[in-house]
Structures are given as C-alpha cells and as structure tokens.
Amino acid sequence: QVQLVESGGGLVQAGGSLRLSCAASGRTFSNYAMGWFRQAPEKEREFVTAISWSGATYYADSAKGRFTISRDNAKGTVYLQMNSLKPEDTAVYYCAAAPRSSSFTTYYIKSRPYDYWGQGTQVTVST
C-alpha cells in the first residue's frame, strides 16, 4: 500500500502561483511514477503531468510552460509548481502513484496505471 497526502492548495488570483506537494509513504517511493490529475466541477478528471521513477516527464498541453513537476525521492515527495494560474485551472488536484514498469510511455498520461490516489487538494483561481 502507498498512502498519498496532498497539500498546498488554496485560493489565488489569476496570474499567481501555487506549489502543491504530495507526500508518499508505505512503499519505496523511487519505484513509482507519480502523476497529477485534476477535476473541475461537473467535468471529468483530467491528466495534468507525470514524472517517472528516473525523472522523465509528461505534461498536458494546458500545463506546458506554466506547470513544473518534480520529485524528491529522499523525501518521498512529488511537487507541482503552478505559475501564471488561470481561472480555468480551478479544480481539485489529485496526486497518484503508478508502479514502475519497463518504460515510461504515454500510457502514464492515463489514469489506468495509477494504483494509489490521494484525497485531493482544492485549487481556486479567482479573476
């Protein structure tokens, strides 16, 4: 089992920044790819970004150039730095963990490989 706890959400004005954190416990953190997903009201959950066990990354088009994912394996934590926030970034943000595999492919932009999910943290961007 892997337990994931997100933090860092809140209310921010458009153009501002937030850094989300997700602390993992229970298994060897470096053996997992980590992803961030979000879900806005009345919308389906969508992929934001993911980072492999070795640091490779994928970003949704909406996140490219504004968001940065990183991980600290020693601390068992993954981060999401969000800059130039827009009202359409308003959502509950979830981190998720997927077991390591032979390669880090675009399969990891889907929710299917992620076995463990956090409880989510609310991000609200005001105009």
C-alpha atoms as a PDB file:
ATOM      1  CA  GLN A   1       0.000   0.000   0.000  1.00  0.00           C
ATOM      2  CA  VAL A   2       1.040   3.564  -0.715  1.00  0.00           C
ATOM      3  CA  GLN A   3      -0.516   6.443   1.156  1.00  0.00           C
ATOM      4  CA  LEU A   4      -0.555   9.818  -0.553  1.00  0.00           C
ATOM      5  CA  VAL A   5      -1.301  13.131   1.106  1.00  0.00           C
ATOM      6  CA  GLU A   6      -1.562  16.335  -0.932  1.00  0.00           C
ATOM      7  CA  SER A   7      -1.108  19.815   0.434  1.00  0.00           C
ATOM      8  CA  GLY A   8      -0.571  23.340  -0.790  1.00  0.00           C
ATOM      9  CA  GLY A   9      -3.883  24.116  -2.410  1.00  0.00           C
ATOM     10  CA  GLY A  10      -5.751  27.315  -1.798  1.00  0.00           C
ATOM     11  CA  LEU A  11      -7.183  30.475  -3.280  1.00  0.00           C
ATOM     12  CA  VAL A  12      -5.013  32.547  -5.574  1.00  0.00           C
ATOM     13  CA  GLN A  13      -5.602  35.372  -8.003  1.00  0.00           C
ATOM     14  CA  ALA A  14      -5.196  34.855 -11.712  1.00  0.00           C
ATOM     15  CA  GLY A  15      -1.546  35.175 -12.662  1.00  0.00           C
ATOM     16  CA  GLY A  16      -0.391  33.935  -9.285  1.00  0.00           C
ATOM     17  CA  SER A  17       1.450  30.803  -8.281  1.00  0.00           C
ATOM     18  CA  LEU A  18       0.983  27.817  -6.022  1.00  0.00           C
ATOM     19  CA  ARG A  19       3.123  24.815  -5.197  1.00  0.00           C
ATOM     20  CA  LEU A  20       1.383  21.584  -4.425  1.00  0.00           C
ATOM     21  CA  SER A  21       3.099  18.793  -2.529  1.00  0.00           C
ATOM     22  CA  CYS A  22       2.262  15.137  -2.284  1.00  0.00           C
ATOM     23  CA  ALA A  23       3.895  13.100   0.445  1.00  0.00           C
ATOM     24  CA  ALA A  24       4.040   9.351  -0.074  1.00  0.00           C
ATOM     25  CA  SER A  25       4.529   6.639   2.480  1.00  0.00           C
ATOM     26  CA  GLY A  26       4.322   2.898   2.673  1.00  0.00           C
ATOM     27  CA  ARG A  27       6.465   1.634  -0.200  1.00  0.00           C
ATOM     28  CA  THR A  28       9.722   2.557  -1.912  1.00  0.00           C
ATOM     29  CA  PHE A  29       8.874   5.885  -3.480  1.00  0.00           C
ATOM     30  CA  SER A  30      11.513   5.641  -6.188  1.00  0.00           C
ATOM     31  CA  ASN A  31       9.771   2.574  -7.627  1.00  0.00           C
ATOM     32  CA  TYR A  32       6.744   4.611  -8.657  1.00  0.00           C
ATOM     33  CA  ALA A  33       5.843   7.037 -11.360  1.00  0.00           C
ATOM     34  CA  MET A  34       3.888   9.929  -9.932  1.00  0.00           C
ATOM     35  CA  GLY A  35       1.122  11.849 -11.614  1.00  0.00           C
ATOM     36  CA  TRP A  36      -1.034  14.883 -11.002  1.00  0.00           C
ATOM     37  CA  PHE A  37      -4.614  14.910 -12.210  1.00  0.00           C
ATOM     38  CA  ARG A  38      -7.372  17.423 -11.646  1.00  0.00           C
ATOM     39  CA  GLN A  39     -11.129  17.505 -11.677  1.00  0.00           C
ATOM     40  CA  ALA A  40     -13.196  20.627 -12.052  1.00  0.00           C
ATOM     41  CA  PRO A  41     -16.872  20.750 -11.068  1.00  0.00           C
ATOM     42  CA  GLU A  42     -19.077  18.821 -13.462  1.00  0.00           C
ATOM     43  CA  LYS A  43     -16.065  17.775 -15.543  1.00  0.00           C
ATOM     44  CA  GLU A  44     -14.182  14.545 -15.867  1.00  0.00           C
ATOM     45  CA  ARG A  45     -10.861  14.062 -14.195  1.00  0.00           C
ATOM     46  CA  GLU A  46      -8.012  15.033 -16.496  1.00  0.00           C
ATOM     47  CA  PHE A  47      -4.310  14.458 -16.678  1.00  0.00           C
ATOM     48  CA  VAL A  48      -2.018  17.346 -15.766  1.00  0.00           C
ATOM     49  CA  THR A  49       1.508  15.967 -15.571  1.00  0.00           C
ATOM     50  CA  ALA A  50       3.543  12.913 -14.613  1.00  0.00           C
ATOM     51  CA  ILE A  51       7.105  12.117 -13.662  1.00  0.00           C
ATOM     52  CA  SER A  52       8.838   8.786 -13.953  1.00  0.00           C
ATOM     53  CA  TRP A  53      10.975   6.998 -11.393  1.00  0.00           C
ATOM     54  CA  SER A  54      14.018   8.461 -13.191  1.00  0.00           C
ATOM     55  CA  GLY A  55      12.716  11.989 -13.729  1.00  0.00           C
ATOM     56  CA  ALA A  56      11.231  11.889 -17.229  1.00  0.00           C
ATOM     57  CA  THR A  57       8.085  13.946 -17.554  1.00  0.00           C
ATOM     58  CA  TYR A  58       4.889  14.385 -19.500  1.00  0.00           C
ATOM     59  CA  TYR A  59       2.672  17.460 -19.472  1.00  0.00           C
ATOM     60  CA  ALA A  60      -0.808  18.151 -20.699  1.00  0.00           C
ATOM     61  CA  ASP A  61      -0.904  20.938 -23.261  1.00  0.00           C
ATOM     62  CA  SER A  62      -2.732  23.108 -20.734  1.00  0.00           C
ATOM     63  CA  ALA A  63       0.186  22.743 -18.310  1.00  0.00           C
ATOM     64  CA  LYS A  64       3.142  23.149 -20.635  1.00  0.00           C
ATOM     65  CA  GLY A  65       5.184  26.242 -19.947  1.00  0.00           C
ATOM     66  CA  ARG A  66       3.304  27.047 -16.728  1.00  0.00           C
ATOM     67  CA  PHE A  67       3.500  23.972 -14.518  1.00  0.00           C
ATOM     68  CA  THR A  68       6.547  22.013 -13.405  1.00  0.00           C
ATOM     69  CA  ILE A  69       6.538  18.609 -11.768  1.00  0.00           C
ATOM     70  CA  SER A  70       9.465  17.444  -9.690  1.00  0.00           C
ATOM     71  CA  ARG A  71      10.207  14.781  -7.143  1.00  0.00           C
ATOM     72  CA  ASP A  72      12.484  14.296  -4.171  1.00  0.00           C
ATOM     73  CA  ASN A  73      12.963  10.591  -3.705  1.00  0.00           C
ATOM     74  CA  ALA A  74      14.796  11.067  -0.414  1.00  0.00           C
ATOM     75  CA  LYS A  75      11.760  12.844   1.000  1.00  0.00           C
ATOM     76  CA  GLY A  76       9.206  10.681  -0.758  1.00  0.00           C
ATOM     77  CA  THR A  77       7.515  13.761  -2.130  1.00  0.00           C
ATOM     78  CA  VAL A  78       6.365  14.980  -5.516  1.00  0.00           C
ATOM     79  CA  TYR A  79       5.741  18.640  -6.230  1.00  0.00           C
ATOM     80  CA  LEU A  80       3.680  20.602  -8.699  1.00  0.00           C
ATOM     81  CA  GLN A  81       4.782  24.184  -9.199  1.00  0.00           C
ATOM     82  CA  MET A  82       1.991  26.106 -10.885  1.00  0.00           C
ATOM     83  CA  ASN A  83       2.688  29.561 -12.300  1.00  0.00           C
ATOM     84  CA  SER A  84       0.594  32.000 -14.306  1.00  0.00           C
ATOM     85  CA  LEU A  85      -2.539  30.421 -12.952  1.00  0.00           C
ATOM     86  CA  LYS A  86      -5.817  30.929 -14.774  1.00  0.00           C
ATOM     87  CA  PRO A  87      -9.414  30.641 -13.588  1.00  0.00           C
ATOM     88  CA  GLU A  88      -9.760  27.524 -15.716  1.00  0.00           C
ATOM     89  CA  ASP A  89      -7.121  25.851 -13.537  1.00  0.00           C
ATOM     90  CA  THR A  90      -9.662  25.791 -10.723  1.00  0.00           C
ATOM     91  CA  ALA A  91     -10.139  22.163  -9.693  1.00  0.00           C
ATOM     92  CA  VAL A  92      -9.407  19.549  -7.108  1.00  0.00           C
ATOM     93  CA  TYR A  93      -5.881  18.322  -7.737  1.00  0.00           C
ATOM     94  CA  TYR A  94      -5.010  14.706  -7.053  1.00  0.00           C
ATOM     95  CA  CYS A  95      -1.648  13.027  -6.950  1.00  0.00           C
ATOM     96  CA  ALA A  96      -1.364   9.386  -7.883  1.00  0.00           C
ATOM     97  CA  ALA A  97       1.262   6.646  -7.866  1.00  0.00           C
ATOM     98  CA  ALA A  98       1.840   4.021 -10.549  1.00  0.00           C
ATOM     99  CA  PRO A  99       4.230   1.078 -10.194  1.00  0.00           C
ATOM    100  CA  ARG A 100       7.449   1.220 -12.151  1.00  0.00           C
ATOM    101  CA  SER A 101       7.489  -0.629 -15.445  1.00  0.00           C
ATOM    102  CA  SER A 102       9.973  -1.353 -18.210  1.00  0.00           C
ATOM    103  CA  SER A 103       9.433   2.043 -19.821  1.00  0.00           C
ATOM    104  CA  PHE A 104       7.749   5.363 -19.144  1.00  0.00           C
ATOM    105  CA  THR A 105       5.368   5.695 -22.047  1.00  0.00           C
ATOM    106  CA  THR A 106       2.349   7.852 -22.781  1.00  0.00           C
ATOM    107  CA  TYR A 107       0.356   5.143 -21.008  1.00  0.00           C
ATOM    108  CA  TYR A 108       1.149   7.154 -17.893  1.00  0.00           C
ATOM    109  CA  ILE A 109      -0.980  10.076 -19.020  1.00  0.00           C
ATOM    110  CA  LYS A 110      -3.981   7.841 -18.455  1.00  0.00           C
ATOM    111  CA  SER A 111      -5.401   7.154 -15.010  1.00  0.00           C
ATOM    112  CA  ARG A 112      -5.345   3.388 -15.522  1.00  0.00           C
ATOM    113  CA  PRO A 113      -1.782   2.646 -14.380  1.00  0.00           C
ATOM    114  CA  TYR A 114      -2.174   4.562 -11.134  1.00  0.00           C
ATOM    115  CA  ASP A 115      -2.996   2.260  -8.268  1.00  0.00           C
ATOM    116  CA  TYR A 116      -2.914   4.791  -5.464  1.00  0.00           C
ATOM    117  CA  TRP A 117      -4.560   8.182  -5.161  1.00  0.00           C
ATOM    118  CA  GLY A 118      -4.520  10.981  -2.657  1.00  0.00           C
ATOM    119  CA  GLN A 119      -7.586  12.667  -1.246  1.00  0.00           C
ATOM    120  CA  GLY A 120      -7.115  15.793  -3.343  1.00  0.00           C
ATOM    121  CA  THR A 121      -6.455  19.439  -2.642  1.00  0.00           C
ATOM    122  CA  GLN A 122      -8.612  22.307  -3.853  1.00  0.00           C
ATOM    123  CA  VAL A 123      -7.111  24.982  -6.062  1.00  0.00           C
ATOM    124  CA  THR A 124      -9.248  28.015  -6.766  1.00  0.00           C
ATOM    125  CA  VAL A 125      -8.083  30.754  -9.095  1.00  0.00           C
ATOM    126  CA  SER A 126     -10.052  33.977  -8.948  1.00  0.00           C
ATOM    127  CA  THR A 127     -10.315  36.618 -11.644  1.00  0.00           C
END
